[in-house]
Amino acid sequence: MTRIAPKRPHREWGDFQTPLDLAMRVCAYLAESGIAPDVVIEPTFGVGNFISAALQTFPTLQRVYGVEINPDYVERVTYSVSRDKLPHQKIELHCDNVFTHSFPKNLYDAQHLMIIGNPPWVTNAEIGSLEAGNLPKKSNIKSLNGLDALTGKSNFDIGEFILIRLLDLFAHQHGTLALLCKNSVAKNFVASLRQRRYPIVNIRTLTIDAQREFAAAVDANLLVIEMGAATNEMQCSVASLEQPRVIQKTFGWIHDKFVSDIDVYESCADIDGKSSRVWRQGIKHDCASVMELDADNGTLVNGLGENVGVEEEHLYWLLKGSDLKEFLAEPPRKKVIATQTSLGDDTTQLQYIAPKLWAYLTRNASAFEKRKSSIYRDKPPFSMFGVGDYTFSPYKVAICGLYKTPRFSLVLPDEQRPILLDDTCYFLPFNHYADAVITTALLNSNIAKAFLQSIAFADSKRPFTKEILMRVDLLRLVYQISFSEIERRHPSLEGITEIDFEKYKHNLSAAVPQLHLAFPDR
């Protein structure tokens, strides 16, 4: 199958045009499902393959209403559909921006309205980086504030915005919505349903091979929704377009919780709660070429290939997410410079207490000035993020947030000095060895892993986030597992006895409200 490769200026529209064969298969599935529309809306019709497929598939079709921002496509499709349509069929094509387009009220007269198409697969941040004008009016559709907005959670898919706008307009209309989108769009949409309460049912996604269809390295699906229902469902079944009757799983809301696999979740929901300890993210500096040093044969070399000699007290061994594969973390291969020990520390003091380091940093100041993240704005020079007492705790239980399956590693100090983690990792800090070992064993238990996989989405860029990890209630978990089970699964545990395990349970039960105070939020 061929992918239509748009000219470079059209990249701002997230221009992945739907192959006609795929459009025909989508329409065939909808027809086999009993859908017989009299009116079709295509909100971003591109080269018009969904319009062509609908005209060929649905004999009940009387009217096609299309919107497209690219005038070249509008001209092309105007010519092509004039050949494909039947005499009684009315085709209306508009060259306009779907974010602001005014849909006529007579569309609500449809007996069965079908919204079909393939909105852009691009985020607002990606469009902004291209300085494109094809953005919706700025609005905080996720209702974020503060740190979440600064660190990327406010970024959203343009397809998600279009989906929400279409349902705001037409959800009460009897009909069907069928849009190709990234899996993340479908997930975020279903997650929003508890607030939006659209009158929709029979929500389903049918996965497609985006690499084959679009030469796009992304997980994608056909999202299908029945509109104009008497109730509002908040769960979504998952199948494939090739085998639409084989349900792989169902995700969505259950018992006021959002989960990725409802059946698995119900078998381990007992540990869903709030962690008594606060999960932390590893250090963030966005300047690896200067801050991270290869330690080979006693020589420190930065990412620029330069030998580096700075004060040892500001150097720490560093583990990356790829180092967290086994119960005991692999030996670190890099060192990292720590310019601060807590957020907002005055880094100018380094010129007096660590003159070699200060000279090195100032010599490479241009690299720090290129950091784009707004979290460094108005902060001391060479600032880091994600630093505090917890960063320098001697023992840590860590996970790589990028892995598709959860694996927790025990991180031990090196010669009395703590080992630090990069920002692909999340960790729980501990002052005592036994507490860290037992927690690592608990989190690697079958029930903990099953629970995490039932609430995390493996096709996300970062399946295991702080938000996901904070849902593991350690107090509930520890009472689900016996010490003998831990011994059986981890026979090499050194120095941990059943007395330690019982003490751990007792301390956790007694001090749950106070445990948050040990390492307060940054």
Protein backbone atom coordinates (compact mmCIF):
# COMPACT_ATOMS: atom_id res chain seq x y z
CA MET A 1 0.00 0.00 0.00
CA THR A 2 1.22 3.44 -0.82
CA ARG A 3 1.28 6.47 1.38
CA ILE A 4 0.63 9.85 -0.19
CA ALA A 5 3.65 11.93 0.76
CA PRO A 6 2.60 15.57 1.17
CA LYS A 7 4.86 18.46 0.32
CA ARG A 8 6.84 19.67 3.31
CA PRO A 9 4.67 22.78 3.98
CA HIS A 10 1.69 20.47 4.59
CA ARG A 11 3.45 18.80 7.52
CA GLU A 12 1.68 21.31 9.77
CA TRP A 13 -1.60 19.50 9.15
CA GLY A 14 -0.33 16.10 10.39
CA ASP A 15 -0.92 14.98 6.84
CA PHE A 16 -1.26 11.17 6.93
CA GLN A 17 -3.68 10.52 4.08
CA THR A 18 -5.83 7.39 4.36
CA PRO A 19 -5.22 4.80 1.62
CA LEU A 20 -8.40 4.06 -0.32
CA ASP A 21 -8.13 0.36 0.51
CA LEU A 22 -8.16 1.12 4.25
CA ALA A 23 -11.07 3.54 3.85
CA MET A 24 -13.00 0.83 2.00
CA ARG A 25 -12.29 -1.74 4.74
CA VAL A 26 -13.44 0.71 7.42
CA CYS A 27 -16.68 1.41 5.56
CA ALA A 28 -17.22 -2.31 4.92
CA TYR A 29 -16.90 -3.01 8.66
CA LEU A 30 -19.40 -0.26 9.48
CA ALA A 31 -21.86 -1.55 6.88
CA GLU A 32 -21.53 -5.11 8.20
CA SER A 33 -22.29 -3.71 11.67
CA GLY A 34 -25.67 -2.54 10.39
CA ILE A 35 -24.83 1.14 9.99
CA ALA A 36 -26.74 2.77 7.13
CA PRO A 37 -26.22 6.55 7.14
CA ASP A 38 -28.18 9.03 5.11
CA VAL A 39 -25.74 11.87 5.94
CA VAL A 40 -21.95 11.67 6.23
CA ILE A 41 -19.69 14.34 7.69
CA GLU A 42 -15.97 14.18 6.88
CA PRO A 43 -14.35 16.88 9.06
CA THR A 44 -10.83 16.77 7.52
CA PHE A 45 -11.33 15.03 4.18
CA GLY A 46 -7.85 15.45 2.63
CA VAL A 47 -7.65 13.62 -0.71
CA GLY A 48 -11.20 12.37 -0.18
CA ASN A 49 -10.74 8.63 0.13
CA PHE A 50 -13.26 8.30 2.97
CA ILE A 51 -15.79 10.26 0.92
CA SER A 52 -15.17 8.01 -2.07
CA ALA A 53 -15.42 4.86 0.08
CA ALA A 54 -18.67 6.03 1.70
CA LEU A 55 -20.23 6.78 -1.69
CA GLN A 56 -19.32 3.29 -2.88
CA THR A 57 -20.39 1.46 0.30
CA PHE A 58 -23.63 2.99 1.61
CA PRO A 59 -26.61 2.93 -0.79
CA THR A 60 -28.65 4.89 1.78
CA LEU A 61 -26.32 7.87 1.56
CA GLN A 62 -28.00 11.08 0.41
CA ARG A 63 -25.69 13.85 1.55
CA VAL A 64 -21.95 14.27 2.13
CA TYR A 65 -20.66 17.28 4.04
CA GLY A 66 -16.90 17.77 4.04
CA VAL A 67 -14.46 20.27 5.56
CA GLU A 68 -10.78 20.61 4.58
CA ILE A 69 -8.27 23.37 5.25
CA ASN A 70 -6.00 22.60 2.28
CA PRO A 71 -7.35 24.30 -0.90
CA ASP A 72 -5.40 21.94 -3.17
CA TYR A 73 -7.23 18.96 -1.69
CA VAL A 74 -10.60 20.72 -1.93
CA GLU A 75 -10.09 21.35 -5.64
CA ARG A 76 -8.96 17.78 -6.23
CA VAL A 77 -11.87 16.16 -4.36
CA THR A 78 -14.45 18.50 -5.90
CA TYR A 79 -13.45 17.11 -9.29
CA SER A 80 -13.24 13.44 -8.24
CA VAL A 81 -16.56 13.17 -6.37
CA SER A 82 -18.44 14.74 -9.26
CA ARG A 83 -17.69 11.50 -11.10
CA ASP A 84 -18.45 9.12 -8.20
CA LYS A 85 -21.71 10.47 -6.81
CA LEU A 86 -25.19 9.39 -7.86
CA PRO A 87 -27.68 11.97 -9.18
CA HIS A 88 -29.70 12.09 -5.93
CA GLN A 89 -26.64 12.54 -3.71
CA LYS A 90 -25.70 16.03 -2.54
CA ILE A 91 -22.01 16.80 -1.99
CA GLU A 92 -20.94 19.92 -0.05
CA LEU A 93 -17.23 20.59 0.30
CA HIS A 94 -15.92 23.54 2.31
CA CYS A 95 -12.39 24.93 2.40
CA ASP A 96 -12.27 25.93 6.05
CA ASN A 97 -10.66 25.27 9.42
CA VAL A 98 -12.60 22.55 11.28
CA PHE A 99 -11.76 24.23 14.61
CA THR A 100 -13.87 27.27 13.70
CA HIS A 101 -16.18 25.96 10.97
CA SER A 102 -19.89 26.64 11.46
CA PHE A 103 -21.81 23.45 10.67
CA PRO A 104 -25.35 24.11 9.34
CA LYS A 105 -28.29 23.25 11.57
CA ASN A 106 -29.98 21.13 8.90
CA LEU A 107 -27.36 18.42 9.50
CA TYR A 108 -29.38 17.60 12.62
CA ASP A 109 -32.25 16.51 10.36
CA ALA A 110 -30.36 13.33 9.46
CA GLN A 111 -32.02 10.00 10.24
CA HIS A 112 -28.61 8.43 10.84
CA LEU A 113 -25.64 10.77 10.83
CA MET A 114 -22.20 9.26 10.34
CA ILE A 115 -19.03 11.21 11.13
CA ILE A 116 -16.09 9.49 9.48
CA GLY A 117 -12.51 10.43 8.78
CA ASN A 118 -8.89 10.63 9.82
CA PRO A 119 -8.07 13.82 11.76
CA PRO A 120 -4.42 14.99 11.93
CA TRP A 121 -1.99 12.83 13.90
CA VAL A 122 -0.07 15.72 15.39
CA THR A 123 0.05 17.52 18.73
CA ASN A 124 -0.37 21.20 19.43
CA ALA A 125 3.30 21.34 20.50
CA GLU A 126 4.44 19.82 17.20
CA ILE A 127 2.35 22.30 15.24
CA GLY A 128 3.70 25.12 17.38
CA SER A 129 7.28 24.02 16.66
CA LEU A 130 6.51 24.40 12.95
CA GLU A 131 5.09 27.89 13.54
CA ALA A 132 1.97 26.72 11.76
CA GLY A 133 -1.35 28.51 11.85
CA ASN A 134 -3.52 25.42 12.02
CA LEU A 135 -4.12 25.48 15.78
CA PRO A 136 -7.41 25.64 17.67
CA LYS A 137 -8.06 28.67 19.80
CA LYS A 138 -5.97 28.27 22.94
CA SER A 139 -7.91 26.60 25.72
CA ASN A 140 -6.88 24.36 28.59
CA ILE A 141 -9.04 21.39 27.59
CA LYS A 142 -7.40 19.22 30.26
CA SER A 143 -7.91 21.77 33.07
CA LEU A 144 -4.25 21.65 34.09
CA ASN A 145 -2.33 24.18 36.10
CA GLY A 146 1.10 24.80 37.56
CA LEU A 147 3.76 22.15 37.19
CA ASP A 148 1.68 19.75 35.07
CA ALA A 149 1.15 22.44 32.46
CA LEU A 150 4.85 23.33 32.45
CA THR A 151 6.15 19.78 32.11
CA GLY A 152 4.11 18.64 29.13
CA LYS A 153 0.78 17.31 30.36
CA SER A 154 -0.95 20.26 28.70
CA ASN A 155 0.19 18.98 25.30
CA PHE A 156 -2.71 17.38 23.44
CA ASP A 157 -3.41 15.78 20.11
CA ILE A 158 -5.17 17.86 17.49
CA GLY A 159 -7.24 14.76 16.71
CA GLU A 160 -8.41 14.71 20.33
CA PHE A 161 -9.54 18.33 20.08
CA ILE A 162 -11.43 17.63 16.83
CA LEU A 163 -13.09 14.54 18.36
CA ILE A 164 -14.27 16.54 21.37
CA ARG A 165 -15.56 19.38 19.20
CA LEU A 166 -17.53 16.99 16.98
CA LEU A 167 -19.14 15.28 19.96
CA ASP A 168 -19.93 18.61 21.60
CA LEU A 169 -21.86 19.40 18.42
CA PHE A 170 -23.37 16.05 17.47
CA ALA A 171 -23.30 13.61 20.44
CA HIS A 172 -27.06 13.99 20.96
CA GLN A 173 -27.75 13.22 17.30
CA HIS A 174 -28.66 9.63 16.38
CA GLY A 175 -25.72 8.25 14.48
CA THR A 176 -22.19 6.88 14.47
CA LEU A 177 -18.75 8.41 14.80
CA ALA A 178 -15.85 6.48 13.24
CA LEU A 179 -12.45 8.17 13.26
CA LEU A 180 -8.93 6.87 12.77
CA CYS A 181 -6.71 8.10 15.58
CA LYS A 182 -3.69 7.28 17.70
CA ASN A 183 -4.31 4.95 20.63
CA SER A 184 -3.39 7.78 23.00
CA VAL A 185 -6.27 9.86 21.63
CA ALA A 186 -8.79 7.08 22.27
CA LYS A 187 -7.40 6.53 25.77
CA ASN A 188 -7.50 10.21 26.69
CA PHE A 189 -11.00 10.53 25.29
CA VAL A 190 -12.38 7.63 27.33
CA ALA A 191 -10.58 8.98 30.41
CA SER A 192 -12.44 12.29 29.95
CA LEU A 193 -15.90 10.72 29.79
CA ARG A 194 -16.53 10.90 33.53
CA GLN A 195 -16.53 14.69 33.18
CA ARG A 196 -18.09 15.01 29.73
CA ARG A 197 -21.01 12.55 30.10
CA TYR A 198 -21.83 12.33 26.39
CA PRO A 199 -24.95 10.29 25.48
CA ILE A 200 -22.88 7.62 23.73
CA VAL A 201 -22.67 3.81 23.90
CA ASN A 202 -20.90 0.85 22.29
CA ILE A 203 -17.52 2.57 22.33
CA ARG A 204 -14.89 0.42 20.66
CA THR A 205 -11.46 0.63 19.10
CA LEU A 206 -10.26 -1.58 16.28
CA THR A 207 -6.49 -1.58 15.97
CA ILE A 208 -4.82 -1.01 12.61
CA ASP A 209 -1.24 -1.49 11.42
CA ALA A 210 -0.16 2.14 11.13
CA GLN A 211 3.32 1.16 9.95
CA ARG A 212 1.85 -0.73 7.01
CA GLU A 213 -0.94 1.70 6.20
CA PHE A 214 0.83 5.03 6.79
CA ALA A 215 4.54 4.23 7.29
CA ALA A 216 4.01 5.73 10.75
CA ALA A 217 5.69 4.30 13.86
CA VAL A 218 2.69 4.81 16.11
CA ASP A 219 -0.08 2.67 17.63
CA ALA A 220 -3.40 3.56 16.01
CA ASN A 221 -6.98 2.41 15.74
CA LEU A 222 -10.44 3.05 14.38
CA LEU A 223 -12.51 4.59 17.18
CA VAL A 224 -16.22 3.85 16.76
CA ILE A 225 -18.97 5.39 18.90
CA GLU A 226 -22.76 5.17 18.75
CA MET A 227 -24.25 8.61 19.42
CA GLY A 228 -27.64 9.81 20.60
CA ALA A 229 -28.06 7.12 23.26
CA ALA A 230 -30.28 7.20 26.33
CA THR A 231 -27.30 6.42 28.59
CA ASN A 232 -23.63 7.31 28.72
CA GLU A 233 -21.10 4.48 28.74
CA MET A 234 -17.53 5.01 29.92
CA GLN A 235 -15.85 1.77 28.84
CA CYS A 236 -14.25 0.87 25.52
CA SER A 237 -13.69 -2.59 24.04
CA VAL A 238 -10.56 -3.34 22.01
CA ALA A 239 -10.40 -5.60 18.96
CA SER A 240 -8.69 -5.38 15.56
CA LEU A 241 -10.07 -4.30 12.21
CA GLU A 242 -9.07 -7.71 10.83
CA GLN A 243 -10.93 -9.59 13.61
CA PRO A 244 -13.54 -7.17 14.95
CA ARG A 245 -15.49 -9.84 16.83
CA VAL A 246 -12.51 -11.00 18.91
CA ILE A 247 -12.49 -8.73 21.95
CA GLN A 248 -8.96 -8.49 23.36
CA LYS A 249 -9.78 -6.41 26.43
CA THR A 250 -11.95 -3.58 27.72
CA PHE A 251 -10.60 -0.39 29.26
CA GLY A 252 -12.25 2.60 30.91
CA TRP A 253 -14.00 3.49 34.15
CA ILE A 254 -15.00 1.00 36.83
CA HIS A 255 -15.74 1.77 40.49
CA ASP A 256 -14.67 5.38 39.83
CA LYS A 257 -11.22 4.18 38.70
CA PHE A 258 -9.72 4.46 35.22
CA VAL A 259 -8.02 1.22 34.16
CA SER A 260 -6.47 -0.30 31.05
CA ASP A 261 -7.86 -3.84 31.45
CA ILE A 262 -11.08 -4.18 33.41
CA ASP A 263 -11.05 -8.00 33.73
CA VAL A 264 -7.49 -8.14 35.07
CA TYR A 265 -8.09 -5.14 37.31
CA GLU A 266 -11.04 -6.77 39.06
CA SER A 267 -8.78 -9.66 40.11
CA CYS A 268 -6.32 -7.36 41.92
CA ALA A 269 -8.29 -4.20 42.69
CA ASP A 270 -7.77 -4.68 46.43
CA ILE A 271 -4.40 -2.92 46.29
CA ASP A 272 -5.72 0.12 44.41
CA GLY A 273 -5.42 3.13 46.68
CA LYS A 274 -2.75 5.68 47.46
CA SER A 275 0.88 4.91 48.18
CA SER A 276 1.94 5.77 51.72
CA ARG A 277 5.30 6.84 50.31
CA VAL A 278 5.70 9.45 47.60
CA TRP A 279 7.16 8.26 44.32
CA ARG A 280 9.90 10.52 42.98
CA GLN A 281 11.26 11.09 39.51
CA GLY A 282 14.99 11.03 38.83
CA ILE A 283 17.04 14.16 38.25
CA LYS A 284 16.37 16.29 35.19
CA HIS A 285 18.96 18.60 33.67
CA ASP A 286 18.40 18.49 29.87
CA CYS A 287 22.12 18.94 29.30
CA ALA A 288 23.55 15.42 29.10
CA SER A 289 26.56 16.38 26.99
CA VAL A 290 27.88 18.49 29.88
CA MET A 291 26.32 16.97 33.01
CA GLU A 292 26.75 13.25 32.34
CA LEU A 293 30.24 11.79 32.26
CA ASP A 294 31.49 8.41 31.09
CA ALA A 295 33.68 6.90 33.78
CA ASP A 296 36.20 4.66 32.05
CA ASN A 297 39.48 3.58 33.66
CA GLY A 298 39.30 6.43 36.14
CA THR A 299 38.96 9.08 33.43
CA LEU A 300 35.82 11.22 33.16
CA VAL A 301 34.76 12.12 29.62
CA ASN A 302 31.75 14.28 28.76
CA GLY A 303 29.46 13.95 25.76
CA LEU A 304 31.64 16.38 23.82
CA GLY A 305 34.60 14.03 24.08
CA GLU A 306 36.45 16.20 26.59
CA ASN A 307 38.26 14.99 29.69
CA VAL A 308 36.68 16.51 32.79
CA GLY A 309 38.29 17.21 36.15
CA VAL A 310 35.97 18.64 38.80
CA GLU A 311 35.50 18.30 42.57
CA GLU A 312 34.49 14.74 43.53
CA GLU A 313 31.94 15.83 46.13
CA HIS A 314 29.69 17.06 43.31
CA LEU A 315 29.90 13.82 41.33
CA TYR A 316 27.58 10.85 41.81
CA TRP A 317 27.17 7.55 40.06
CA LEU A 318 24.13 7.63 37.77
CA LEU A 319 21.72 4.89 36.73
CA LYS A 320 19.55 5.19 33.65
CA GLY A 321 16.29 3.39 32.97
CA SER A 322 18.08 0.80 30.85
CA ASP A 323 20.11 -0.19 33.93
CA LEU A 324 17.00 -1.27 35.85
CA LYS A 325 16.50 -4.79 34.55
CA GLU A 326 17.14 -7.09 37.52
CA PHE A 327 16.11 -7.21 41.19
CA LEU A 328 19.48 -5.65 42.02
CA ALA A 329 20.23 -2.76 39.68
CA GLU A 330 23.17 -3.17 37.34
CA PRO A 331 26.43 -1.37 38.21
CA PRO A 332 26.39 2.24 36.98
CA ARG A 333 28.52 3.23 34.00
CA LYS A 334 28.18 7.00 34.17
CA LYS A 335 28.59 9.79 36.67
CA VAL A 336 26.46 12.91 36.90
CA ILE A 337 27.26 16.38 38.16
CA ALA A 338 24.97 17.60 40.94
CA THR A 339 24.87 21.39 40.94
CA GLN A 340 22.20 21.53 43.65
CA THR A 341 21.00 19.42 46.57
CA SER A 342 17.55 20.99 46.72
CA LEU A 343 15.35 22.87 44.30
CA GLY A 344 16.32 26.52 43.89
CA ASP A 345 19.75 26.32 45.58
CA ASP A 346 21.99 29.28 44.76
CA THR A 347 24.43 27.75 42.28
CA THR A 348 26.71 30.81 42.26
CA GLN A 349 28.16 29.51 45.54
CA LEU A 350 29.91 26.86 43.45
CA GLN A 351 32.51 29.39 42.32
CA TYR A 352 33.79 29.45 45.92
CA ILE A 353 33.23 25.90 47.12
CA ALA A 354 33.94 24.10 43.82
CA PRO A 355 35.99 26.41 41.57
CA LYS A 356 36.93 23.67 39.08
CA LEU A 357 33.28 22.75 38.61
CA TRP A 358 32.25 26.39 38.29
CA ALA A 359 34.89 26.98 35.63
CA TYR A 360 33.73 23.87 33.73
CA LEU A 361 30.07 24.92 33.87
CA THR A 362 30.70 28.51 32.80
CA ARG A 363 32.86 27.29 29.93
CA ASN A 364 29.85 25.29 28.73
CA ALA A 365 27.18 27.85 29.62
CA SER A 366 25.91 27.99 26.02
CA ALA A 367 24.74 24.37 26.29
CA PHE A 368 22.56 25.26 29.29
CA GLU A 369 21.18 28.33 27.52
CA LYS A 370 19.81 26.05 24.78
CA ARG A 371 17.53 24.20 27.22
CA LYS A 372 13.99 24.80 26.00
CA SER A 373 11.95 23.68 29.00
CA SER A 374 10.23 26.52 30.82
CA ILE A 375 10.98 24.90 34.20
CA TYR A 376 14.46 26.44 34.07
CA ARG A 377 13.17 29.95 33.42
CA ASP A 378 14.15 32.48 36.12
CA LYS A 379 16.11 29.81 38.00
CA PRO A 380 19.77 29.99 39.12
CA PRO A 381 22.31 29.18 36.39
CA PHE A 382 22.97 25.48 35.74
CA SER A 383 19.86 24.51 37.72
CA MET A 384 18.59 20.97 37.91
CA PHE A 385 15.13 19.66 38.59
CA GLY A 386 13.95 16.78 40.74
CA VAL A 387 16.46 17.34 43.52
CA GLY A 388 15.80 17.16 47.25
CA ASP A 389 16.61 15.07 50.30
CA TYR A 390 15.02 12.07 48.60
CA THR A 391 17.50 12.30 45.70
CA PHE A 392 20.37 11.53 48.06
CA SER A 393 18.67 8.80 50.09
CA PRO A 394 21.01 5.79 50.45
CA TYR A 395 18.54 3.13 49.29
CA LYS A 396 16.03 3.31 46.47
CA VAL A 397 13.42 1.10 44.86
CA ALA A 398 13.34 2.13 41.21
CA ILE A 399 11.53 1.46 37.94
CA CYS A 400 12.06 2.68 34.40
CA GLY A 401 8.90 4.51 33.34
CA LEU A 402 9.50 3.63 29.68
CA TYR A 403 9.29 -0.16 30.04
CA LYS A 404 6.18 -1.95 28.78
CA THR A 405 6.09 -4.31 31.76
CA PRO A 406 6.86 -3.32 35.38
CA ARG A 407 10.24 -4.31 36.81
CA PHE A 408 11.51 -2.91 40.08
CA SER A 409 15.18 -2.77 41.02
CA LEU A 410 16.94 -2.27 44.33
CA VAL A 411 19.52 0.54 44.19
CA LEU A 412 22.23 0.38 46.85
CA PRO A 413 24.80 3.05 47.76
CA ASP A 414 28.35 2.86 46.44
CA GLU A 415 30.98 3.27 49.14
CA GLN A 416 28.56 5.13 51.41
CA ARG A 417 27.50 7.51 48.62
CA PRO A 418 24.01 7.41 47.11
CA ILE A 419 23.51 6.47 43.48
CA LEU A 420 21.30 8.86 41.51
CA LEU A 421 18.75 8.09 38.80
CA ASP A 422 17.92 9.92 35.58
CA ASP A 423 14.50 11.31 34.74
CA THR A 424 13.32 8.20 32.87
CA CYS A 425 13.16 6.55 36.31
CA TYR A 426 10.82 6.74 39.29
CA PHE A 427 11.81 5.64 42.77
CA LEU A 428 10.88 5.33 46.42
CA PRO A 429 13.60 6.62 48.79
CA PHE A 430 14.59 4.69 51.92
CA ASN A 431 17.01 5.16 54.78
CA HIS A 432 17.04 1.49 55.82
CA TYR A 433 18.20 -1.49 53.80
CA ALA A 434 15.53 -3.92 55.01
CA ASP A 435 12.68 -1.56 54.11
CA ALA A 436 14.06 -1.11 50.60
CA VAL A 437 14.59 -4.84 50.01
CA ILE A 438 11.12 -5.82 51.24
CA THR A 439 9.47 -3.08 49.18
CA THR A 440 11.33 -4.23 46.06
CA ALA A 441 10.12 -7.78 46.65
CA LEU A 442 6.53 -6.65 47.24
CA LEU A 443 6.42 -4.56 44.07
CA ASN A 444 7.84 -7.45 42.03
CA SER A 445 5.08 -9.78 43.27
CA ASN A 446 2.58 -11.22 40.80
CA ILE A 447 -0.33 -9.27 42.23
CA ALA A 448 1.53 -5.94 42.10
CA LYS A 449 2.67 -6.52 38.52
CA ALA A 450 -0.80 -7.61 37.40
CA PHE A 451 -2.33 -4.57 39.04
CA LEU A 452 0.11 -2.15 37.42
CA GLN A 453 -0.42 -3.72 34.00
CA SER A 454 -4.18 -3.42 34.48
CA ILE A 455 -4.00 0.35 35.06
CA ALA A 456 -1.08 1.33 32.80
CA PHE A 457 -1.29 1.56 29.02
CA ALA A 458 1.66 -0.30 27.52
CA ASP A 459 1.42 1.61 24.23
CA SER A 460 1.95 4.95 25.99
CA LYS A 461 5.28 6.72 25.58
CA ARG A 462 5.77 6.36 29.35
CA PRO A 463 3.49 3.59 30.68
CA PHE A 464 4.59 3.89 34.31
CA THR A 465 4.28 7.43 35.63
CA LYS A 466 4.19 8.83 39.14
CA GLU A 467 0.40 8.98 38.89
CA ILE A 468 0.21 5.26 38.06
CA LEU A 469 2.72 4.18 40.70
CA MET A 470 1.05 6.21 43.44
CA ARG A 471 -2.02 3.97 43.08
CA VAL A 472 -0.20 0.98 44.61
CA ASP A 473 -1.22 0.90 48.27
CA LEU A 474 1.76 -0.69 50.02
CA LEU A 475 -0.21 -1.31 53.20
CA ARG A 476 -2.87 -3.28 51.33
CA LEU A 477 -0.19 -5.05 49.28
CA VAL A 478 1.89 -6.23 52.23
CA TYR A 479 -1.11 -8.05 53.71
CA GLN A 480 -1.67 -9.91 50.42
CA ILE A 481 1.76 -11.58 50.50
CA SER A 482 3.48 -13.87 53.00
CA PHE A 483 7.17 -13.85 53.87
CA SER A 484 7.47 -17.45 52.66
CA GLU A 485 6.23 -16.36 49.24
CA ILE A 486 8.85 -13.60 49.12
CA GLU A 487 11.55 -16.10 50.16
CA ARG A 488 10.43 -18.53 47.48
CA ARG A 489 10.51 -15.91 44.72
CA HIS A 490 13.73 -14.24 45.92
CA PRO A 491 15.86 -16.90 47.66
CA SER A 492 19.00 -14.76 47.40
CA LEU A 493 17.75 -12.00 49.73
CA GLU A 494 20.61 -11.28 52.09
CA GLY A 495 20.07 -10.57 55.77
CA ILE A 496 16.25 -10.27 55.61
CA THR A 497 14.30 -12.36 58.11
CA GLU A 498 10.65 -12.89 58.87
CA ILE A 499 11.15 -10.64 61.90
CA ASP A 500 12.19 -7.84 59.52
CA PHE A 501 9.08 -8.51 57.44
CA GLU A 502 6.73 -8.36 60.44
CA LYS A 503 8.44 -5.19 61.65
CA TYR A 504 7.96 -3.68 58.19
CA LYS A 505 4.24 -4.48 58.30
CA HIS A 506 3.89 -3.07 61.79
CA ASN A 507 5.71 0.16 60.95
CA LEU A 508 3.73 0.62 57.76
CA SER A 509 0.43 0.11 59.58
CA ALA A 510 1.37 2.45 62.41
CA ALA A 511 2.95 5.24 60.42
CA VAL A 512 0.95 5.47 57.19
CA PRO A 513 -0.19 9.09 57.78
CA GLN A 514 3.33 10.16 58.74
CA LEU A 515 5.26 8.51 55.93
CA HIS A 516 4.46 11.36 53.53
CA LEU A 517 6.33 13.74 55.82
CA ALA A 518 9.67 11.97 55.46
CA PHE A 519 10.18 13.28 51.93
CA PRO A 520 7.74 16.16 51.29
CA ASP A 521 6.63 17.00 47.76
CA ARG A 522 9.04 19.03 45.70
